Amino acid sequence: MHGRKVMIDGNMVDPIDDLAINYLFYLGKETQFLDYKRFLDLSDAHHSLHLLKDIFSFANVGGGYLVFGIAENHPAESGIEGKFNPIGLPLHFKLDPSSLEEKLDSYSNVRIGIHYDEFYRTIEGDSRRFAILYVEPSLHIVKPKKDGEYRDENTSKSRRVFKKGLPYIRRGTKNAEASPMEIDYIDTRTKEERYQSSIISGEPDLIEETLYGNLFEVTKLPRRVYFGAPKFGSLAGALAELSKHMRPPINLTRMWDRRLVSLQNLEDPDNPYSALVKPGSAGHHDARQWLDDPNRRHVFVSLMNREILGYAGSRGLSSDYNGKERRLFFQTEHMERKKRFWPGKSRSARRTVAFQISLPPTGRPAMFHPAAKVSFKEINEKFFLVVDTTAVITSDGKRIISDKTTGPLITKLTYNKYNQSHLNDIFFWINELGEGKDIRIMDNFIVSSKPVEARTQFGIHWDIPPQDLESMAASHVPETEKDVMEAMKSANV
């Protein structure tokens, strides 16, 4: 049971919804969460104090109901079927909820929420009145702040219904003093109840939650940095040479201290990049030497960033490197929509990676490509691949449009990504780079395919994070054209 909704016969409903009333009325038996009462007289101390004890017990156990107008039959009574008899409330019965709340507040150490309503049912041809009282789960352990005592008019003796400072609980269908073990249970339950209530208040819940980031740890770093005297005096010359060996040519080198440096083995004549340095000039340094030097460390990271672009190219991805962002995307031929299939645990998932749109304000046709920004960062002496999602717009499926209109347009089409959707997108790109396994950029350069995790002591109680990335892959539902079209419609595209 929960404070604002209750589970009745497999359905989550309001506490005194018609479904709840019907179910409880016709159940015909008392339970830990239900008590039938013949009637109630708040002016009678015996009745009112026992009702308060019922409420204390229900609140501590997690909420419960009292239904008034139903009498318990005694075995000696004959001719009446069933243990409980819906006799209805007497005509003079009247319960003022505000009076009950005042009496409750005068005895309870904490505020207890209650809900009261009356209803009619036709029994043996007669319309009879009944009442229902719902007690909310307490947010703290309920303890009477004074003794519940009254004087028995028949014996003139003092009777105590409950004792100050003692928590009560429903044990089966009876109320009883809570044992130490039951007090621990109440304490645990009230904490969970406060967590759920915090969703409404906006405060974070005090729960342990796993947060997944967009960082993927480099588990194996290149051991060497290669260098050599450049053979070509221009980038165009170098690319022309590389075009003889690969298509498209990707430059995985850069200049440093008047030498060409790379993570590619420039000493290996079978490596195409060895053709970019003069014969006999190639050599290498231990990578640790570069990492220990702040200036050369920066160059080392830039070479790592070039390598991820080259590796992505070998996986069929195109790159857009403008000196700041390294965006990966899938090109398409003849302005055609393009889809990617990738294996989940139990089925294949499908994702549209290129589709046609109309550019405002002219309506000129263009292609929209979901994309990934990738780069390596150092955090606490460890290196991570940072993956974030974005998009590119091309004029023909290949040539990127970069003007003042595309940036705002991409923002409009991608701004409403929620955490789970964003994580799924990142997981898709990691899968594309590693085919579901760790990303082996080079034999001695490997990136984990699992994002870094962080355990927190706060979060959202009902926001259940994925427990297993493999199962997330199996249940991954990529964004559909319909989703994007709806976003474009809202963005007036």
Protein backbone atom coordinates (compact mmCIF):
# COMPACT_ATOMS: atom_id res chain seq x y z
CA MET A 1 0.00 0.00 0.00
CA HIS A 2 1.11 3.54 -0.69
CA GLY A 3 -0.06 6.87 0.67
CA ARG A 4 -1.60 8.18 -2.54
CA LYS A 5 -2.42 4.98 -4.39
CA VAL A 6 -3.26 1.46 -3.21
CA MET A 7 -3.03 -1.89 -4.94
CA ILE A 8 -6.51 -3.43 -5.07
CA ASP A 9 -7.00 -6.73 -6.83
CA GLY A 10 -4.00 -6.04 -9.07
CA ASN A 11 -4.93 -2.43 -9.85
CA MET A 12 -3.41 0.81 -8.57
CA VAL A 13 -6.35 3.03 -7.53
CA ASP A 14 -7.21 5.95 -5.27
CA PRO A 15 -7.57 4.85 -1.63
CA ILE A 16 -11.37 5.13 -1.56
CA ASP A 17 -12.07 4.59 -5.24
CA ASP A 18 -15.25 2.63 -6.10
CA LEU A 19 -13.12 -0.38 -7.03
CA ALA A 20 -11.43 -0.27 -3.61
CA ILE A 21 -14.75 0.07 -1.79
CA ASN A 22 -16.37 -2.82 -3.69
CA TYR A 23 -13.41 -5.10 -3.22
CA LEU A 24 -13.14 -4.46 0.52
CA PHE A 25 -16.90 -4.56 1.12
CA TYR A 26 -17.38 -7.95 -0.55
CA LEU A 27 -14.12 -9.52 0.61
CA GLY A 28 -15.92 -10.96 3.60
CA LYS A 29 -12.89 -11.46 5.84
CA GLU A 30 -10.56 -9.33 7.89
CA THR A 31 -6.87 -9.10 7.00
CA GLN A 32 -3.78 -7.34 8.26
CA PHE A 33 -4.92 -4.31 6.25
CA LEU A 34 -8.71 -4.53 6.77
CA ASP A 35 -10.95 -4.41 9.82
CA TYR A 36 -14.76 -4.54 9.87
CA LYS A 37 -16.65 -2.51 12.50
CA ARG A 38 -20.33 -2.64 13.39
CA PHE A 39 -20.51 1.09 14.19
CA LEU A 40 -18.55 3.88 15.84
CA ASP A 41 -19.41 6.41 18.49
CA LEU A 42 -16.68 9.02 19.01
CA SER A 43 -18.46 10.26 22.09
CA ASP A 44 -17.85 6.88 23.71
CA ALA A 45 -14.30 6.69 25.13
CA HIS A 46 -14.12 2.90 24.73
CA HIS A 47 -15.00 3.07 21.03
CA SER A 48 -12.90 6.13 20.21
CA LEU A 49 -9.71 4.92 21.94
CA HIS A 50 -9.90 1.50 20.31
CA LEU A 51 -10.36 3.24 16.96
CA LEU A 52 -7.23 5.31 17.61
CA LYS A 53 -5.32 2.12 18.41
CA ASP A 54 -6.53 0.67 15.11
CA ILE A 55 -5.30 3.76 13.30
CA PHE A 56 -1.90 3.70 15.04
CA SER A 57 -1.46 0.04 14.10
CA PHE A 58 -2.52 0.48 10.48
CA ALA A 59 -0.30 3.53 10.03
CA ASN A 60 2.74 1.65 11.35
CA VAL A 61 2.17 -1.48 9.26
CA GLY A 62 1.84 0.50 6.01
CA GLY A 63 -1.76 1.69 5.86
CA GLY A 64 -5.14 0.00 6.10
CA TYR A 65 -8.92 0.22 6.07
CA LEU A 66 -11.83 0.17 8.50
CA VAL A 67 -15.27 -0.50 7.03
CA PHE A 68 -18.21 0.46 9.28
CA GLY A 69 -21.63 -1.14 9.19
CA ILE A 70 -20.53 -4.77 9.06
CA ALA A 71 -21.15 -6.96 12.12
CA GLU A 72 -19.25 -10.08 13.02
CA ASN A 73 -21.55 -13.10 13.42
CA HIS A 74 -21.18 -15.40 16.38
CA PRO A 75 -21.10 -19.19 15.83
CA ALA A 76 -24.22 -19.57 17.97
CA GLU A 77 -26.24 -17.48 15.57
CA SER A 78 -28.08 -19.66 13.10
CA GLY A 79 -29.60 -18.98 9.75
CA ILE A 80 -26.90 -16.47 8.77
CA GLU A 81 -24.35 -17.50 6.19
CA GLY A 82 -20.84 -16.09 6.38
CA LYS A 83 -18.80 -14.70 9.24
CA PHE A 84 -19.57 -11.01 8.59
CA ASN A 85 -23.00 -9.55 8.09
CA PRO A 86 -23.52 -6.20 6.26
CA ILE A 87 -26.20 -4.83 8.52
CA GLY A 88 -25.55 -1.17 7.68
CA LEU A 89 -25.12 1.82 9.96
CA PRO A 90 -27.80 3.04 12.31
CA LEU A 91 -29.76 6.10 11.26
CA HIS A 92 -28.25 8.23 14.00
CA PHE A 93 -24.65 7.37 13.00
CA LYS A 94 -22.58 10.42 12.19
CA LEU A 95 -18.82 10.79 11.96
CA ASP A 96 -17.14 14.15 11.58
CA PRO A 97 -13.66 13.50 10.04
CA SER A 98 -12.32 16.79 11.40
CA SER A 99 -13.30 15.77 14.96
CA LEU A 100 -11.56 12.44 14.45
CA GLU A 101 -8.45 14.20 13.19
CA GLU A 102 -8.41 16.48 16.23
CA LYS A 103 -8.67 13.52 18.60
CA LEU A 104 -5.98 11.69 16.62
CA ASP A 105 -3.63 14.67 16.80
CA SER A 106 -4.13 14.92 20.54
CA TYR A 107 -2.82 11.37 21.04
CA SER A 108 -0.38 10.73 18.17
CA ASN A 109 3.27 11.84 18.14
CA VAL A 110 3.10 12.36 14.35
CA ARG A 111 0.44 13.47 11.89
CA ILE A 112 -1.47 10.56 10.34
CA GLY A 113 -3.38 11.02 7.10
CA ILE A 114 -6.92 9.62 6.97
CA HIS A 115 -9.62 9.55 4.28
CA TYR A 116 -13.30 9.04 5.08
CA ASP A 117 -16.35 8.44 2.90
CA GLU A 118 -19.85 6.95 3.11
CA PHE A 119 -21.59 4.75 0.56
CA TYR A 120 -24.81 2.77 0.07
CA ARG A 121 -25.40 -0.83 -0.95
CA THR A 122 -28.64 -2.70 -1.54
CA ILE A 123 -28.85 -5.68 0.83
CA GLU A 124 -31.87 -8.01 0.63
CA GLY A 125 -33.82 -5.27 -1.12
CA ASP A 126 -32.93 -2.59 1.39
CA SER A 127 -30.62 0.37 0.73
CA ARG A 128 -28.16 0.46 3.61
CA ARG A 129 -25.53 3.01 4.55
CA PHE A 130 -21.90 2.11 5.21
CA ALA A 131 -18.68 4.05 5.81
CA ILE A 132 -15.02 3.50 4.99
CA LEU A 133 -11.94 4.97 6.62
CA TYR A 134 -8.52 4.71 4.96
CA VAL A 135 -5.39 5.19 7.08
CA GLU A 136 -2.29 6.34 5.21
CA PRO A 137 1.12 4.76 5.83
CA SER A 138 3.02 6.83 8.37
CA LEU A 139 6.27 8.57 7.44
CA HIS A 140 7.65 7.97 10.94
CA ILE A 141 7.05 5.40 13.68
CA VAL A 142 3.74 6.20 15.35
CA LYS A 143 3.77 6.21 19.16
CA PRO A 144 0.99 7.51 21.43
CA LYS A 145 2.17 10.63 23.23
CA LYS A 146 -0.08 9.86 26.20
CA ASP A 147 -1.89 6.88 27.65
CA GLY A 148 -5.22 5.95 26.12
CA GLU A 149 -7.25 5.50 29.30
CA TYR A 150 -10.97 5.65 30.10
CA ARG A 151 -13.24 4.74 33.01
CA ASP A 152 -15.49 1.71 32.56
CA GLU A 153 -18.97 2.88 33.55
CA ASN A 154 -20.04 -0.66 34.44
CA THR A 155 -17.18 -1.42 36.83
CA SER A 156 -15.93 2.12 37.56
CA LYS A 157 -12.44 0.83 36.89
CA SER A 158 -9.83 2.57 34.77
CA ARG A 159 -9.07 0.79 31.47
CA ARG A 160 -5.97 1.41 29.37
CA VAL A 161 -6.28 0.73 25.63
CA PHE A 162 -2.76 1.80 24.68
CA LYS A 163 0.34 3.02 26.51
CA LYS A 164 2.33 6.18 26.00
CA GLY A 165 5.51 5.74 23.91
CA LEU A 166 4.75 2.20 22.73
CA PRO A 167 4.41 1.58 18.96
CA TYR A 168 1.54 -0.70 17.92
CA ILE A 169 1.26 -2.87 14.85
CA ARG A 170 -1.24 -5.12 13.10
CA ARG A 171 -0.32 -8.72 13.78
CA GLY A 172 -2.65 -10.76 11.61
CA THR A 173 -6.10 -9.27 12.28
CA LYS A 174 -5.28 -8.03 15.79
CA ASN A 175 -3.50 -4.98 17.19
CA ALA A 176 -0.48 -5.60 19.38
CA GLU A 177 2.56 -3.94 20.88
CA ALA A 178 5.37 -4.08 18.31
CA SER A 179 8.30 -6.34 19.12
CA PRO A 180 11.90 -5.11 18.62
CA MET A 181 11.99 -6.93 15.27
CA GLU A 182 8.69 -5.36 14.22
CA ILE A 183 9.95 -1.93 15.28
CA ASP A 184 12.93 -2.42 12.93
CA TYR A 185 10.46 -3.33 10.18
CA ILE A 186 8.40 -0.17 10.83
CA ASP A 187 11.55 1.95 10.77
CA THR A 188 12.64 0.49 7.43
CA ARG A 189 9.17 0.89 5.93
CA THR A 190 8.82 4.52 7.00
CA LYS A 191 12.17 5.35 5.42
CA GLU A 192 11.00 3.83 2.16
CA GLU A 193 7.74 5.75 2.44
CA ARG A 194 9.64 9.01 2.89
CA TYR A 195 11.68 8.15 -0.22
CA GLN A 196 8.52 7.76 -2.26
CA SER A 197 7.04 10.97 -0.87
CA SER A 198 10.22 12.83 -1.78
CA ILE A 199 9.41 12.34 -5.46
CA ILE A 200 6.48 14.69 -5.00
CA SER A 201 8.46 17.21 -2.96
CA GLY A 202 11.36 17.24 -5.43
CA GLU A 203 13.92 16.19 -2.82
CA PRO A 204 16.24 13.31 -3.79
CA ASP A 205 15.55 9.92 -2.22
CA LEU A 206 18.05 8.41 0.19
CA ILE A 207 18.60 5.29 -1.86
CA GLU A 208 21.64 3.64 -3.36
CA GLU A 209 21.58 4.18 -7.09
CA THR A 210 23.96 3.39 -9.93
CA LEU A 211 24.74 6.25 -12.28
CA TYR A 212 26.25 5.53 -15.70
CA GLY A 213 28.46 8.10 -17.38
CA ASN A 214 29.56 8.77 -20.94
CA LEU A 215 33.17 7.93 -20.06
CA PHE A 216 34.81 4.71 -21.24
CA GLU A 217 38.12 3.82 -19.65
CA VAL A 218 41.23 3.21 -21.72
CA THR A 219 42.35 -0.16 -20.43
CA LYS A 220 45.48 -0.36 -22.56
CA LEU A 221 47.59 2.58 -23.74
CA PRO A 222 50.00 2.64 -26.69
CA ARG A 223 53.51 1.93 -25.43
CA ARG A 224 55.42 3.92 -28.04
CA VAL A 225 55.35 7.24 -29.85
CA TYR A 226 57.00 7.10 -33.28
CA PHE A 227 58.73 10.00 -35.02
CA GLY A 228 60.62 10.74 -38.21
CA ALA A 229 61.70 13.50 -40.58
CA PRO A 230 58.72 14.49 -42.78
CA LYS A 231 59.03 13.56 -46.43
CA PHE A 232 56.32 15.98 -47.58
CA GLY A 233 56.20 19.70 -46.96
CA SER A 234 52.40 19.94 -47.04
CA LEU A 235 49.38 18.08 -45.77
CA ALA A 236 48.13 17.72 -49.34
CA GLY A 237 51.29 15.84 -50.26
CA ALA A 238 50.91 13.51 -47.29
CA LEU A 239 47.27 12.80 -48.09
CA ALA A 240 48.14 12.16 -51.73
CA GLU A 241 50.66 9.55 -50.59
CA LEU A 242 48.17 7.94 -48.18
CA SER A 243 45.52 7.81 -50.90
CA LYS A 244 47.70 5.26 -52.66
CA HIS A 245 47.25 2.88 -49.73
CA MET A 246 43.82 3.58 -48.24
CA ARG A 247 40.49 5.07 -49.09
CA PRO A 248 39.59 7.49 -47.75
CA PRO A 249 42.97 8.65 -46.48
CA ILE A 250 42.97 9.68 -42.81
CA ASN A 251 45.97 11.51 -41.42
CA LEU A 252 47.04 9.90 -38.12
CA THR A 253 50.17 12.01 -37.77
CA ARG A 254 51.05 15.55 -36.72
CA MET A 255 54.09 17.78 -36.52
CA TRP A 256 56.03 18.24 -33.27
CA ASP A 257 59.44 19.81 -32.85
CA ARG A 258 59.93 19.79 -36.66
CA ARG A 259 59.34 16.05 -36.77
CA LEU A 260 56.36 13.96 -37.82
CA VAL A 261 54.97 12.05 -34.82
CA SER A 262 52.37 9.29 -34.71
CA LEU A 263 51.16 6.28 -32.74
CA GLN A 264 51.44 4.35 -36.00
CA ASN A 265 54.60 2.29 -36.36
CA LEU A 266 56.68 4.46 -38.67
CA GLU A 267 59.54 1.94 -38.40
CA ASP A 268 57.47 -0.77 -40.10
CA PRO A 269 57.84 -0.55 -43.89
CA ASP A 270 54.52 -2.37 -44.31
CA ASN A 271 52.70 0.39 -42.45
CA PRO A 272 51.38 2.96 -44.98
CA TYR A 273 52.34 5.81 -42.65
CA SER A 274 56.02 4.89 -42.85
CA ALA A 275 55.94 6.37 -46.38
CA LEU A 276 55.40 9.82 -44.87
CA VAL A 277 58.89 10.02 -43.30
CA LYS A 278 62.31 10.03 -44.90
CA PRO A 279 64.06 6.64 -45.10
CA GLY A 280 66.24 5.92 -42.06
CA SER A 281 64.79 8.76 -39.98
CA ALA A 282 62.14 6.80 -38.10
CA GLY A 283 62.52 6.12 -34.40
CA HIS A 284 60.44 5.86 -31.26
CA HIS A 285 60.17 7.00 -27.65
CA ASP A 286 58.62 5.21 -24.71
CA ALA A 287 55.09 6.58 -24.28
CA ARG A 288 55.73 7.06 -20.57
CA GLN A 289 58.34 9.68 -21.40
CA TRP A 290 55.70 11.67 -23.24
CA LEU A 291 53.08 11.22 -20.54
CA ASP A 292 55.46 12.50 -17.87
CA ASP A 293 56.01 15.72 -19.83
CA PRO A 294 52.99 18.13 -19.72
CA ASN A 295 53.70 19.56 -23.18
CA ARG A 296 54.27 16.24 -24.90
CA ARG A 297 51.34 14.71 -22.99
CA HIS A 298 49.07 17.15 -24.84
CA VAL A 299 50.49 15.96 -28.15
CA PHE A 300 50.05 12.32 -27.08
CA VAL A 301 46.34 12.91 -26.39
CA SER A 302 45.93 14.63 -29.77
CA LEU A 303 47.39 11.52 -31.43
CA MET A 304 44.94 9.34 -29.50
CA ASN A 305 42.11 11.51 -30.83
CA ARG A 306 43.37 11.06 -34.39
CA GLU A 307 43.51 7.31 -33.88
CA ILE A 308 39.86 7.04 -32.82
CA LEU A 309 38.86 8.84 -36.03
CA GLY A 310 40.97 6.52 -38.11
CA TYR A 311 39.58 3.49 -36.34
CA ALA A 312 36.02 4.75 -36.81
CA GLY A 313 36.72 5.12 -40.53
CA SER A 314 37.69 1.45 -40.68
CA ARG A 315 34.27 0.69 -39.17
CA GLY A 316 32.45 2.55 -41.97
CA LEU A 317 31.94 5.81 -40.10
CA SER A 318 32.74 9.22 -41.54
CA SER A 319 34.34 11.91 -39.40
CA ASP A 320 33.97 15.65 -39.27
CA TYR A 321 37.00 17.17 -37.55
CA ASN A 322 37.07 20.95 -37.42
CA GLY A 323 39.83 21.28 -34.82
CA LYS A 324 37.40 21.37 -31.91
CA GLU A 325 34.78 18.64 -32.28
CA ARG A 326 35.32 15.17 -33.64
CA ARG A 327 31.93 14.04 -34.91
CA LEU A 328 31.26 10.57 -36.27
CA PHE A 329 28.30 9.83 -38.52
CA PHE A 330 27.13 7.53 -41.31
CA GLN A 331 27.11 8.84 -44.86
CA THR A 332 24.41 7.82 -47.30
CA GLU A 333 24.14 7.61 -51.08
CA HIS A 334 21.68 9.55 -53.24
CA MET A 335 19.85 11.18 -50.30
CA GLU A 336 18.48 7.82 -49.23
CA ARG A 337 17.40 6.90 -45.71
CA LYS A 338 19.92 4.63 -44.02
CA LYS A 339 19.42 2.15 -41.21
CA ARG A 340 21.81 0.20 -39.02
CA PHE A 341 21.16 -3.19 -37.50
CA TRP A 342 23.07 -4.36 -34.48
CA PRO A 343 22.65 -7.48 -32.34
CA GLY A 344 20.97 -7.42 -28.98
CA LYS A 345 20.97 -10.28 -26.52
CA SER A 346 17.83 -11.87 -27.94
CA ARG A 347 17.01 -9.88 -31.08
CA SER A 348 18.37 -7.34 -33.51
CA ALA A 349 17.80 -3.64 -32.95
CA ARG A 350 17.30 -1.16 -35.78
CA ARG A 351 18.25 2.49 -35.89
CA THR A 352 17.84 5.12 -38.59
CA VAL A 353 21.17 6.91 -39.03
CA ALA A 354 20.31 9.17 -41.98
CA PHE A 355 17.02 10.54 -43.32
CA GLN A 356 15.81 13.45 -45.38
CA ILE A 357 14.48 16.72 -43.95
CA SER A 358 13.54 20.12 -45.36
CA LEU A 359 15.64 23.09 -44.31
CA PRO A 360 13.82 26.21 -43.21
CA PRO A 361 12.91 28.68 -44.49
CA THR A 362 13.29 27.63 -48.13
CA GLY A 363 12.33 23.97 -47.76
CA ARG A 364 15.57 22.89 -49.44
CA PRO A 365 16.08 19.11 -49.03
CA ALA A 366 18.92 17.96 -46.78
CA MET A 367 19.94 14.91 -44.77
CA PHE A 368 19.82 14.64 -41.00
CA HIS A 369 22.45 12.32 -39.44
CA PRO A 370 22.52 11.40 -35.73
CA ALA A 371 26.18 11.65 -34.74
CA ALA A 372 28.60 11.10 -31.87
CA LYS A 373 31.27 13.44 -30.52
CA VAL A 374 34.34 11.54 -29.36
CA SER A 375 37.56 12.60 -27.67
CA PHE A 376 39.99 11.35 -25.04
CA LYS A 377 40.31 13.05 -21.67
CA GLU A 378 42.55 12.45 -18.70
CA ILE A 379 40.88 12.25 -15.27
CA ASN A 380 42.87 11.44 -12.13
CA GLU A 381 45.78 10.03 -14.12
CA LYS A 382 43.53 7.74 -16.15
CA PHE A 383 42.43 8.19 -19.75
CA PHE A 384 38.82 7.91 -20.89
CA LEU A 385 37.02 8.05 -24.20
CA VAL A 386 34.25 10.65 -23.88
CA VAL A 387 31.22 9.95 -26.05
CA ASP A 388 28.37 12.39 -26.43
CA THR A 389 25.52 12.57 -28.91
CA THR A 390 24.84 15.27 -31.45
CA ALA A 391 23.91 15.42 -35.14
CA VAL A 392 25.14 16.70 -38.47
CA ILE A 393 23.21 17.97 -41.46
CA THR A 394 24.47 17.29 -44.96
CA SER A 395 23.41 18.65 -48.31
CA ASP A 396 23.61 15.29 -50.08
CA GLY A 397 24.26 12.62 -47.45
CA LYS A 398 28.02 13.34 -47.43
CA ARG A 399 28.92 17.03 -47.50
CA ILE A 400 28.25 18.69 -44.14
CA ILE A 401 26.44 22.02 -44.00
CA SER A 402 28.00 24.33 -41.43
CA ASP A 403 26.28 27.69 -41.24
CA LYS A 404 24.39 29.78 -38.71
CA THR A 405 21.11 27.90 -39.28
CA THR A 406 22.25 24.31 -38.71
CA GLY A 407 23.35 24.74 -35.08
CA PRO A 408 19.97 26.00 -33.78
CA LEU A 409 18.18 23.42 -35.95
CA ILE A 410 20.18 20.54 -34.45
CA THR A 411 19.47 21.88 -30.98
CA LYS A 412 15.74 21.98 -31.69
CA LEU A 413 15.76 18.39 -32.92
CA THR A 414 17.84 16.93 -30.10
CA TYR A 415 17.18 19.03 -26.99
CA ASN A 416 14.47 16.79 -25.51
CA LYS A 417 16.61 13.73 -24.89
CA TYR A 418 16.04 12.20 -21.48
CA ASN A 419 18.66 10.34 -19.47
CA GLN A 420 17.67 6.83 -20.53
CA SER A 421 17.38 7.82 -24.20
CA HIS A 422 20.72 9.63 -24.06
CA LEU A 423 22.38 6.59 -22.46
CA ASN A 424 20.89 4.29 -25.10
CA ASP A 425 22.25 6.54 -27.86
CA ILE A 426 25.72 6.47 -26.34
CA PHE A 427 25.50 2.70 -26.01
CA PHE A 428 24.57 2.46 -29.70
CA TRP A 429 27.70 4.36 -30.77
CA ILE A 430 29.95 2.30 -28.50
CA ASN A 431 28.44 -0.82 -30.02
CA GLU A 432 29.17 0.51 -33.50
CA LEU A 433 32.80 1.11 -32.55
CA GLY A 434 33.37 -2.18 -30.76
CA GLU A 435 30.72 -4.56 -32.13
CA GLY A 436 29.53 -5.16 -28.59
CA LYS A 437 33.06 -5.81 -27.32
CA ASP A 438 35.90 -3.65 -26.07
CA ILE A 439 37.14 -1.20 -28.69
CA ARG A 440 40.48 -2.43 -30.01
CA ILE A 441 41.82 0.64 -31.79
CA MET A 442 45.26 -1.00 -32.03
CA ASP A 443 46.66 -4.15 -30.47
CA ASN A 444 48.13 -2.04 -27.68
CA PHE A 445 45.37 0.59 -27.54
CA ILE A 446 42.05 -0.69 -26.10
CA VAL A 447 38.99 1.07 -24.69
CA SER A 448 36.42 -0.63 -22.45
CA SER A 449 32.92 -0.90 -23.90
CA LYS A 450 31.32 -0.42 -20.48
CA PRO A 451 30.73 3.09 -19.17
CA VAL A 452 32.09 4.17 -15.83
CA GLU A 453 29.70 3.75 -12.93
CA ALA A 454 29.17 5.69 -9.73
CA ARG A 455 27.25 4.59 -6.66
CA THR A 456 25.28 7.29 -4.89
CA GLN A 457 23.26 7.38 -1.69
CA PHE A 458 20.52 9.46 -3.25
CA GLY A 459 18.38 9.33 -6.35
CA ILE A 460 14.79 8.76 -7.42
CA HIS A 461 13.16 5.76 -5.80
CA TRP A 462 11.13 4.72 -8.86
CA ASP A 463 13.78 5.63 -11.44
CA ILE A 464 15.24 2.14 -11.82
CA PRO A 465 18.54 2.26 -13.71
CA PRO A 466 19.62 -0.52 -16.07
CA GLN A 467 21.26 -3.24 -14.01
CA ASP A 468 22.99 -4.96 -16.86
CA LEU A 469 24.31 -3.40 -20.04
CA GLU A 470 23.85 -6.64 -21.96
CA SER A 471 20.16 -6.72 -21.10
CA MET A 472 19.96 -3.05 -22.05
CA ALA A 473 21.29 -3.97 -25.46
CA ALA A 474 18.64 -6.64 -25.80
CA SER A 475 15.82 -4.28 -24.88
CA HIS A 476 17.21 -1.23 -26.68
CA VAL A 477 14.52 0.57 -28.68
CA PRO A 478 16.21 3.06 -31.03
CA GLU A 479 14.61 6.33 -31.91
CA THR A 480 12.21 5.92 -34.83
CA GLU A 481 11.56 8.19 -37.76
CA LYS A 482 8.19 8.96 -36.17
CA ASP A 483 9.88 10.20 -33.00
CA VAL A 484 12.18 12.46 -34.95
CA MET A 485 9.41 13.69 -37.23
CA GLU A 486 7.35 14.65 -34.19
CA ALA A 487 10.33 16.54 -32.81
CA MET A 488 10.80 18.26 -36.15
CA LYS A 489 7.13 19.19 -36.24
CA SER A 490 7.38 20.78 -32.79
CA ALA A 491 10.49 22.62 -33.98
CA ASN A 492 8.62 23.89 -37.06
CA VAL A 493 10.97 22.10 -39.43
